[in-house]
C-alpha atoms as a PDB file:
ATOM      1  CA  MET A   1      23.871   2.003  -4.571  1.00  0.00           C
ATOM      2  CA  SER A   2      22.296   2.764  -1.026  1.00  0.00           C
ATOM      3  CA  SER A   3      21.760  -0.368   1.646  1.00  0.00           C
ATOM      4  CA  LYS A   4      17.884  -0.334   0.452  1.00  0.00           C
ATOM      5  CA  ASN A   5      18.623  -1.232  -2.603  1.00  0.00           C
ATOM      6  CA  CYS A   6      20.939  -3.453  -2.645  1.00  0.00           C
ATOM      7  CA  ILE A   7      19.379  -7.589  -2.860  1.00  0.00           C
ATOM      8  CA  LYS A   8      18.478  -9.133   0.234  1.00  0.00           C
ATOM      9  CA  LEU A   9      18.848 -12.703   1.804  1.00  0.00           C
ATOM     10  CA  GLU A  10      16.247 -14.528   3.113  1.00  0.00           C
ATOM     11  CA  VAL A  11      17.671 -17.821   4.992  1.00  0.00           C
ATOM     12  CA  CYS A  12      15.687 -21.068   5.726  1.00  0.00           C
ATOM     13  CA  VAL A  13      16.342 -22.261   9.243  1.00  0.00           C
ATOM     14  CA  ASP A  14      15.577 -25.293  11.076  1.00  0.00           C
ATOM     15  CA  SER A  15      17.748 -24.908  14.135  1.00  0.00           C
ATOM     16  CA  ILE A  16      19.087 -22.332  16.403  1.00  0.00           C
ATOM     17  CA  ALA A  17      22.638 -22.564  15.306  1.00  0.00           C
ATOM     18  CA  SER A  18      21.583 -22.188  11.735  1.00  0.00           C
ATOM     19  CA  ALA A  19      19.598 -19.210  12.673  1.00  0.00           C
ATOM     20  CA  VAL A  20      22.551 -17.796  14.346  1.00  0.00           C
ATOM     21  CA  ALA A  21      25.110 -18.277  11.232  1.00  0.00           C
ATOM     22  CA  ALA A  22      22.279 -16.735   9.262  1.00  0.00           C
ATOM     23  CA  ALA A  23      21.857 -13.803  11.016  1.00  0.00           C
ATOM     24  CA  GLU A  24      26.216 -13.408  11.623  1.00  0.00           C
ATOM     25  CA  GLY A  25      25.965 -13.677   7.840  1.00  0.00           C
ATOM     26  CA  GLY A  26      24.669 -10.889   7.109  1.00  0.00           C
ATOM     27  CA  ALA A  27      20.945 -12.562   6.147  1.00  0.00           C
ATOM     28  CA  ALA A  28      18.511 -10.029   5.728  1.00  0.00           C
ATOM     29  CA  ARG A  29      15.474 -12.168   7.373  1.00  0.00           C
ATOM     30  CA  ILE A  30      15.195 -15.300   8.396  1.00  0.00           C
ATOM     31  CA  GLU A  31      12.475 -18.386   7.734  1.00  0.00           C
ATOM     32  CA  LEU A  32      12.087 -20.370  10.611  1.00  0.00           C
ATOM     33  CA  CYS A  33      11.024 -23.723  10.129  1.00  0.00           C
ATOM     34  CA  SER A  34      11.329 -26.935  11.667  1.00  0.00           C
ATOM     35  CA  ALA A  35      12.116 -30.356   9.688  1.00  0.00           C
ATOM     36  CA  LEU A  36      14.016 -29.150   6.418  1.00  0.00           C
ATOM     37  CA  SER A  37      14.399 -32.567   5.828  1.00  0.00           C
ATOM     38  CA  GLU A  38      10.664 -31.893   5.106  1.00  0.00           C
ATOM     39  CA  GLY A  39      10.766 -29.684   2.961  1.00  0.00           C
ATOM     40  CA  GLY A  40       9.836 -27.588   6.314  1.00  0.00           C
ATOM     41  CA  LEU A  41       7.311 -27.737   8.397  1.00  0.00           C
ATOM     42  CA  THR A  42       5.800 -25.323  11.522  1.00  0.00           C
ATOM     43  CA  PRO A  43       8.998 -24.193  13.666  1.00  0.00           C
ATOM     44  CA  SER A  44       8.822 -25.273  17.777  1.00  0.00           C
ATOM     45  CA  VAL A  45       7.286 -21.789  19.499  1.00  0.00           C
ATOM     46  CA  GLY A  46      10.303 -22.390  22.471  1.00  0.00           C
ATOM     47  CA  THR A  47      13.003 -21.960  18.992  1.00  0.00           C
ATOM     48  CA  LEU A  48      11.236 -18.618  18.196  1.00  0.00           C
ATOM     49  CA  LYS A  49      10.517 -17.493  21.624  1.00  0.00           C
ATOM     50  CA  ILE A  50      15.040 -17.643  22.571  1.00  0.00           C
ATOM     51  CA  LEU A  51      16.022 -16.439  18.943  1.00  0.00           C
ATOM     52  CA  LYS A  52      13.761 -13.197  19.519  1.00  0.00           C
ATOM     53  CA  GLU A  53      14.871 -13.434  23.482  1.00  0.00           C
ATOM     54  CA  LYS A  54      18.435 -13.323  23.177  1.00  0.00           C
ATOM     55  CA  CYS A  55      20.092 -14.219  19.686  1.00  0.00           C
ATOM     56  CA  LEU A  56      18.390 -11.796  16.456  1.00  0.00           C
ATOM     57  CA  ASN A  57      18.032  -8.554  15.740  1.00  0.00           C
ATOM     58  CA  ILE A  58      16.994  -9.443  11.880  1.00  0.00           C
ATOM     59  CA  PRO A  59      13.269 -10.343  10.657  1.00  0.00           C
ATOM     60  CA  ILE A  60      11.646 -14.070  11.458  1.00  0.00           C
ATOM     61  CA  PHE A  61       9.353 -15.261   9.512  1.00  0.00           C
ATOM     62  CA  CYS A  62       7.649 -18.418  10.056  1.00  0.00           C
ATOM     63  CA  MET A  63       6.610 -21.287   8.477  1.00  0.00           C
ATOM     64  CA  LEU A  64       2.802 -22.479   8.632  1.00  0.00           C
ATOM     65  CA  ARG A  65       2.908 -26.141   7.309  1.00  0.00           C
ATOM     66  CA  PRO A  66       1.091 -28.456   9.768  1.00  0.00           C
ATOM     67  CA  ARG A  67       2.627 -31.558   7.921  1.00  0.00           C
ATOM     68  CA  ARG A  68       4.688 -33.022   5.147  1.00  0.00           C
ATOM     69  CA  GLY A  69       3.506 -33.726   1.185  1.00  0.00           C
ATOM     70  CA  ASN A  70       3.690 -31.395  -1.894  1.00  0.00           C
ATOM     71  CA  ASP A  71       0.229 -31.369  -2.649  1.00  0.00           C
ATOM     72  CA  PHE A  72      -0.681 -28.461  -0.187  1.00  0.00           C
ATOM     73  CA  ILE A  73      -4.331 -29.538   0.455  1.00  0.00           C
ATOM     74  CA  TYR A  74      -5.321 -28.995   3.633  1.00  0.00           C
ATOM     75  CA  SER A  75      -8.537 -30.326   5.744  1.00  0.00           C
ATOM     76  CA  THR A  76     -10.966 -28.551   7.968  1.00  0.00           C
ATOM     77  CA  LEU A  77      -9.175 -29.428  11.404  1.00  0.00           C
ATOM     78  CA  GLU A  78      -5.647 -28.551   9.879  1.00  0.00           C
ATOM     79  CA  ILE A  79      -6.029 -25.100   8.972  1.00  0.00           C
ATOM     80  CA  GLN A  80      -7.929 -24.708  12.457  1.00  0.00           C
ATOM     81  CA  ALA A  81      -4.151 -25.995  13.888  1.00  0.00           C
ATOM     82  CA  LEU A  82      -2.389 -23.960  11.716  1.00  0.00           C
ATOM     83  CA  LEU A  83      -4.138 -20.966  12.638  1.00  0.00           C
ATOM     84  CA  ALA A  84      -3.709 -21.667  16.615  1.00  0.00           C
ATOM     85  CA  ASP A  85      -0.419 -22.322  15.701  1.00  0.00           C
ATOM     86  CA  MET A  86      -0.146 -18.586  14.221  1.00  0.00           C
ATOM     87  CA  ASP A  87      -1.305 -17.271  16.932  1.00  0.00           C
ATOM     88  CA  ILE A  88       0.672 -18.723  19.195  1.00  0.00           C
ATOM     89  CA  LEU A  89       4.049 -17.659  17.237  1.00  0.00           C
ATOM     90  CA  ARG A  90       2.437 -14.101  16.803  1.00  0.00           C
ATOM     91  CA  GLU A  91       2.436 -13.210  20.875  1.00  0.00           C
ATOM     92  CA  GLN A  92       6.269 -14.851  20.492  1.00  0.00           C
ATOM     93  CA  GLY A  93       7.170 -12.002  18.394  1.00  0.00           C
ATOM     94  CA  ALA A  94       6.809 -13.296  14.467  1.00  0.00           C
ATOM     95  CA  ASP A  95       7.689 -10.966  12.553  1.00  0.00           C
ATOM     96  CA  GLY A  96       5.635 -12.506   9.109  1.00  0.00           C
ATOM     97  CA  PHE A  97       4.029 -15.747   8.217  1.00  0.00           C
ATOM     98  CA  VAL A  98       5.176 -18.299   5.008  1.00  0.00           C
ATOM     99  CA  PHE A  99       2.078 -20.278   3.379  1.00  0.00           C
ATOM    100  CA  GLY A 100       0.709 -21.479   0.789  1.00  0.00           C
ATOM    101  CA  ALA A 101      -2.106 -23.598   0.051  1.00  0.00           C
ATOM    102  CA  LEU A 102      -3.774 -24.739  -3.253  1.00  0.00           C
ATOM    103  CA  THR A 103      -7.547 -26.667  -4.486  1.00  0.00           C
ATOM    104  CA  ASN A 104      -7.233 -29.957  -5.755  1.00  0.00           C
ATOM    105  CA  GLY A 105      -7.224 -28.480  -9.093  1.00  0.00           C
ATOM    106  CA  GLN A 106      -4.034 -27.030  -8.287  1.00  0.00           C
ATOM    107  CA  THR A 107      -5.448 -23.685  -7.704  1.00  0.00           C
ATOM    108  CA  VAL A 108      -4.516 -20.964  -5.125  1.00  0.00           C
ATOM    109  CA  ASN A 109      -7.149 -22.132  -1.938  1.00  0.00           C
ATOM    110  CA  THR A 110      -8.312 -18.655  -1.873  1.00  0.00           C
ATOM    111  CA  GLU A 111     -10.769 -19.295   1.784  1.00  0.00           C
ATOM    112  CA  GLN A 112      -7.922 -20.834   3.425  1.00  0.00           C
ATOM    113  CA  CYS A 113      -5.377 -17.996   2.641  1.00  0.00           C
ATOM    114  CA  GLN A 114      -7.930 -15.304   3.506  1.00  0.00           C
ATOM    115  CA  TYR A 115      -8.236 -16.941   6.932  1.00  0.00           C
ATOM    116  CA  VAL A 116      -4.475 -16.946   7.548  1.00  0.00           C
ATOM    117  CA  LEU A 117      -3.878 -13.920   5.983  1.00  0.00           C
ATOM    118  CA  GLN A 118      -6.878 -11.910   8.086  1.00  0.00           C
ATOM    119  CA  GLN A 119      -5.402 -14.165  11.199  1.00  0.00           C
ATOM    120  CA  ALA A 120      -1.492 -12.821  10.672  1.00  0.00           C
ATOM    121  CA  ALA A 121      -3.437  -9.178  11.617  1.00  0.00           C
ATOM    122  CA  GLY A 122      -1.027  -7.282   9.591  1.00  0.00           C
ATOM    123  CA  LEU A 123       1.976  -8.748   9.407  1.00  0.00           C
ATOM    124  CA  PRO A 124       3.821  -9.566   5.968  1.00  0.00           C
ATOM    125  CA  VAL A 125       2.487 -13.130   4.389  1.00  0.00           C
ATOM    126  CA  THR A 126       4.523 -15.125   2.140  1.00  0.00           C
ATOM    127  CA  PHE A 127       2.975 -17.511  -0.700  1.00  0.00           C
ATOM    128  CA  HIS A 128       5.373 -19.990  -0.877  1.00  0.00           C
ATOM    129  CA  ARG A 129       6.215 -23.554  -3.576  1.00  0.00           C
ATOM    130  CA  ALA A 130       3.545 -24.281  -3.726  1.00  0.00           C
ATOM    131  CA  PHE A 131       2.861 -21.712  -6.555  1.00  0.00           C
ATOM    132  CA  ASP A 132       5.214 -23.661  -8.131  1.00  0.00           C
ATOM    133  CA  LEU A 133       2.345 -26.585  -8.450  1.00  0.00           C
ATOM    134  CA  THR A 134       0.018 -24.336 -10.131  1.00  0.00           C
ATOM    135  CA  ASN A 135      -0.299 -24.254 -13.870  1.00  0.00           C
ATOM    136  CA  PRO A 136       2.364 -22.288 -15.067  1.00  0.00           C
ATOM    137  CA  ILE A 137       0.575 -20.847 -18.405  1.00  0.00           C
ATOM    138  CA  CYS A 138      -1.524 -19.336 -15.732  1.00  0.00           C
ATOM    139  CA  MET A 139       1.217 -17.640 -13.805  1.00  0.00           C
ATOM    140  CA  ASP A 140       0.491 -14.047 -14.325  1.00  0.00           C
ATOM    141  CA  GLU A 141      -3.055 -14.036 -13.413  1.00  0.00           C
ATOM    142  CA  THR A 142      -1.743 -16.660 -10.110  1.00  0.00           C
ATOM    143  CA  VAL A 143       0.657 -14.052  -9.428  1.00  0.00           C
ATOM    144  CA  SER A 144      -1.929 -11.076  -9.420  1.00  0.00           C
ATOM    145  CA  GLN A 145      -4.788 -13.592  -7.616  1.00  0.00           C
ATOM    146  CA  ILE A 146      -1.802 -13.963  -4.793  1.00  0.00           C
ATOM    147  CA  ARG A 147      -1.570 -10.311  -4.675  1.00  0.00           C
ATOM    148  CA  HIS A 148      -4.738  -9.229  -4.347  1.00  0.00           C
ATOM    149  CA  LEU A 149      -5.335 -11.630  -1.835  1.00  0.00           C
ATOM    150  CA  GLY A 150      -2.970  -9.943   0.230  1.00  0.00           C
ATOM    151  CA  PHE A 151       0.928 -11.566   0.063  1.00  0.00           C
ATOM    152  CA  LYS A 152       3.552  -9.528  -0.163  1.00  0.00           C
ATOM    153  CA  ARG A 153       6.115 -11.836  -2.030  1.00  0.00           C
ATOM    154  CA  ILE A 154       5.863 -15.185  -3.065  1.00  0.00           C
ATOM    155  CA  LEU A 155       8.694 -17.767  -2.895  1.00  0.00           C
ATOM    156  CA  SER A 156       9.159 -19.688  -6.437  1.00  0.00           C
ATOM    157  CA  SER A 157      11.862 -22.142  -8.357  1.00  0.00           C
ATOM    158  CA  GLY A 158       9.828 -20.940 -11.589  1.00  0.00           C
ATOM    159  CA  PHE A 159       8.138 -23.948 -11.624  1.00  0.00           C
ATOM    160  CA  CYS A 160      11.087 -25.883 -11.707  1.00  0.00           C
ATOM    161  CA  GLN A 161      13.140 -28.326  -9.442  1.00  0.00           C
ATOM    162  CA  SER A 162      16.026 -25.770  -9.064  1.00  0.00           C
ATOM    163  CA  ALA A 163      15.672 -21.756  -9.277  1.00  0.00           C
ATOM    164  CA  GLU A 164      18.724 -22.357 -11.180  1.00  0.00           C
ATOM    165  CA  GLU A 165      16.700 -24.141 -13.863  1.00  0.00           C
ATOM    166  CA  GLY A 166      13.662 -21.437 -13.736  1.00  0.00           C
ATOM    167  CA  THR A 167      15.784 -18.560 -14.670  1.00  0.00           C
ATOM    168  CA  ASN A 168      13.492 -17.508 -17.917  1.00  0.00           C
ATOM    169  CA  ASN A 169      10.311 -18.262 -15.869  1.00  0.00           C
ATOM    170  CA  LEU A 170      11.010 -16.231 -12.803  1.00  0.00           C
ATOM    171  CA  ALA A 171      12.848 -13.389 -14.974  1.00  0.00           C
ATOM    172  CA  LYS A 172       9.331 -12.940 -16.928  1.00  0.00           C
ATOM    173  CA  LEU A 173       7.533 -12.691 -13.394  1.00  0.00           C
ATOM    174  CA  ILE A 174       9.830 -10.406 -11.809  1.00  0.00           C
ATOM    175  CA  ALA A 175       9.848  -8.325 -15.169  1.00  0.00           C
ATOM    176  CA  LYS A 176       6.178  -8.034 -15.160  1.00  0.00           C
ATOM    177  CA  HIS A 177       5.036  -7.656 -11.426  1.00  0.00           C
ATOM    178  CA  HIS A 178       8.274  -6.174  -9.528  1.00  0.00           C
ATOM    179  CA  ARG A 179       6.311  -3.437  -8.847  1.00  0.00           C
ATOM    180  CA  ASP A 180       3.164  -5.080  -7.242  1.00  0.00           C
ATOM    181  CA  ILE A 181       4.619  -7.783  -5.549  1.00  0.00           C
ATOM    182  CA  ILE A 182       8.475  -9.313  -4.396  1.00  0.00           C
ATOM    183  CA  ILE A 183       9.215 -12.468  -6.784  1.00  0.00           C
ATOM    184  CA  MET A 184      11.700 -14.466  -4.399  1.00  0.00           C
ATOM    185  CA  PRO A 185      13.816 -17.062  -5.850  1.00  0.00           C
ATOM    186  CA  GLY A 186      14.753 -20.006  -4.115  1.00  0.00           C
ATOM    187  CA  ALA A 187      16.088 -23.708  -4.514  1.00  0.00           C
ATOM    188  CA  GLY A 188      18.914 -24.837  -5.071  1.00  0.00           C
ATOM    189  CA  ILE A 189      20.841 -21.620  -4.972  1.00  0.00           C
ATOM    190  CA  SER A 190      24.193 -21.716  -3.732  1.00  0.00           C
ATOM    191  CA  VAL A 191      27.477 -19.743  -3.893  1.00  0.00           C
ATOM    192  CA  SER A 192      27.980 -21.529  -7.760  1.00  0.00           C
ATOM    193  CA  ASN A 193      24.573 -20.221  -9.557  1.00  0.00           C
ATOM    194  CA  LEU A 194      23.977 -17.191  -7.381  1.00  0.00           C
ATOM    195  CA  ASP A 195      25.458 -14.808  -9.684  1.00  0.00           C
ATOM    196  CA  GLU A 196      24.737 -15.865 -12.538  1.00  0.00           C
ATOM    197  CA  ILE A 197      20.559 -15.996 -11.325  1.00  0.00           C
ATOM    198  CA  LEU A 198      20.571 -12.852  -9.774  1.00  0.00           C
ATOM    199  CA  THR A 199      21.590 -11.393 -12.895  1.00  0.00           C
ATOM    200  CA  ALA A 200      19.505 -12.980 -15.417  1.00  0.00           C
ATOM    201  CA  THR A 201      16.443 -12.611 -12.561  1.00  0.00           C
ATOM    202  CA  LYS A 202      16.699  -8.840 -11.570  1.00  0.00           C
ATOM    203  CA  CYS A 203      15.469 -10.398  -8.131  1.00  0.00           C
ATOM    204  CA  ALA A 204      15.503  -7.725  -5.248  1.00  0.00           C
ATOM    205  CA  GLU A 205      15.549 -10.947  -2.721  1.00  0.00           C
ATOM    206  CA  PHE A 206      16.568 -14.337  -3.094  1.00  0.00           C
ATOM    207  CA  HIS A 207      16.373 -17.535  -0.629  1.00  0.00           C
ATOM    208  CA  ALA A 208      18.730 -20.208   0.626  1.00  0.00           C
ATOM    209  CA  SER A 209      19.753 -22.599   3.091  1.00  0.00           C
ATOM    210  CA  ALA A 210      23.099 -21.427   3.266  1.00  0.00           C
ATOM    211  CA  LYS A 211      24.424 -25.007   4.342  1.00  0.00           C
ATOM    212  CA  LYS A 212      27.244 -27.547   4.859  1.00  0.00           C
ATOM    213  CA  GLU A 213      27.271 -30.780   6.823  1.00  0.00           C
ATOM    214  CA  ALA A 214      27.540 -29.996  10.546  1.00  0.00           C
ATOM    215  CA  GLY A 215      31.343 -30.620  11.233  1.00  0.00           C
ATOM    216  CA  GLU A 216      33.151 -31.376  14.297  1.00  0.00           C
ATOM    217  CA  ASN A 217      32.847 -27.838  15.531  1.00  0.00           C
ATOM    218  CA  ILE A 218      29.485 -27.532  15.938  1.00  0.00           C
ATOM    219  CA  ASN A 219      27.808 -29.488  19.268  1.00  0.00           C
ATOM    220  CA  ILE A 220      26.034 -31.855  17.119  1.00  0.00           C
ATOM    221  CA  THR A 221      26.694 -36.191  17.769  1.00  0.00           C
ATOM    222  CA  LYS A 222      25.728 -38.869  15.887  1.00  0.00           C
ATOM    223  CA  MET A 223      25.217 -42.056  17.778  1.00  0.00           C
ATOM    224  CA  ASP A 224      27.006 -45.095  16.919  1.00  0.00           C
ATOM    225  CA  CYS A 225      24.265 -47.429  17.456  1.00  0.00           C
ATOM    226  CA  GLU A 226      21.842 -50.348  14.942  1.00  0.00           C
ATOM    227  CA  ILE A 227      18.537 -48.007  16.462  1.00  0.00           C
ATOM    228  CA  SER A 228      17.335 -45.402  13.888  1.00  0.00           C
ATOM    229  CA  MET A 229      14.992 -42.594  14.669  1.00  0.00           C
ATOM    230  CA  GLY A 230      13.806 -42.760  11.037  1.00  0.00           C
ATOM    231  CA  LYS A 231      15.811 -41.966   7.526  1.00  0.00           C
ATOM    232  CA  GLN A 232      17.391 -38.599   8.898  1.00  0.00           C
ATOM    233  CA  ASP A 233      19.485 -40.397  10.654  1.00  0.00           C
ATOM    234  CA  ILE A 234      20.827 -41.925   7.432  1.00  0.00           C
ATOM    235  CA  GLU A 235      20.792 -38.503   5.672  1.00  0.00           C
ATOM    236  CA  PRO A 236      23.566 -36.078   6.862  1.00  0.00           C
ATOM    237  CA  TYR A 237      22.446 -33.496   9.235  1.00  0.00           C
ATOM    238  CA  SER A 238      23.387 -29.542   8.334  1.00  0.00           C
ATOM    239  CA  ILE A 239      23.372 -25.925   9.017  1.00  0.00           C
ATOM    240  CA  THR A 240      23.744 -23.082   7.417  1.00  0.00           C
ATOM    241  CA  ASP A 241      27.409 -21.882   7.529  1.00  0.00           C
ATOM    242  CA  VAL A 242      28.096 -18.361   8.679  1.00  0.00           C
ATOM    243  CA  ASN A 243      30.912 -17.809   5.418  1.00  0.00           C
ATOM    244  CA  VAL A 244      28.315 -19.508   2.805  1.00  0.00           C
ATOM    245  CA  VAL A 245      26.103 -16.503   4.046  1.00  0.00           C
ATOM    246  CA  ARG A 246      28.426 -13.749   3.843  1.00  0.00           C
ATOM    247  CA  LYS A 247      29.960 -14.793   0.504  1.00  0.00           C
ATOM    248  CA  MET A 248      25.805 -14.734  -0.776  1.00  0.00           C
ATOM    249  CA  VAL A 249      25.548 -11.470   0.924  1.00  0.00           C
ATOM    250  CA  ALA A 250      28.662 -10.384  -0.779  1.00  0.00           C
ATOM    251  CA  ILE A 251      27.854 -11.558  -4.269  1.00  0.00           C
ATOM    252  CA  GLY A 252      24.180  -9.524  -4.023  1.00  0.00           C
ATOM    253  CA  ARG A 253      26.808  -6.522  -3.417  1.00  0.00           C
ATOM    254  CA  ALA A 254      28.585  -7.279  -6.045  1.00  0.00           C
ATOM    255  CA  VAL A 255      25.903  -7.901  -8.223  1.00  0.00           C
ATOM    256  CA  THR A 256      24.173  -4.428  -7.792  1.00  0.00           C
ATOM    257  CA  GLY A 257      27.259  -2.560  -7.648  1.00  0.00           C
ATOM    258  CA  GLU A 258      27.277  -1.975  -3.877  1.00  0.00           C
END
């Protein structure tokens, strides 16, 4: 099996340490965000700049999401801000973008998507898990709509909380649309369930955070104090583990017989 046919791992990260670990572990691509605890928001320009200049030699796709919330319904001003971010991120070397927008009826907002695709100026754009909030009964029509808009791939958990739960829908989508657009399973993918998901869906790419809780060997300090900066102080801070990335890459190669 040639390397071009191997299953590609995209790792979503929200820190420089995670991005470096993903690259060192053999990831094919980075989805760069801020605040993965909020589902992933638009990343800092400085983080992208340093990663492109100092650290990574793999493609970096930047999330375009101006705020938290699972509605993916954006105001005109929010889209204007997002497009302004996009310009700056592209100038600093972004290799692609990740975006999704819906209408009040939970259908694809074609107008806002067209703005983003036009602003991408030929760079590839992934439609993210906003897809999973659309009507699963119309999933084939929605995929075709997204493809005709110009998106290159769709990140999906198969309309379920996790890709493992949504395996059946993902397999159907990939079987029907794999020649036209990449359907990329993501959400809750781990070393323990990866082989099953890859085998069942026959996907060409998959998406994972490949994380573990930060340990003492990482330069992250938790302050012992009574002042909280938000709920993130209560939840453990975690980063991508280079060994988890390596295991996932190895599983992908084993599934394809490489």
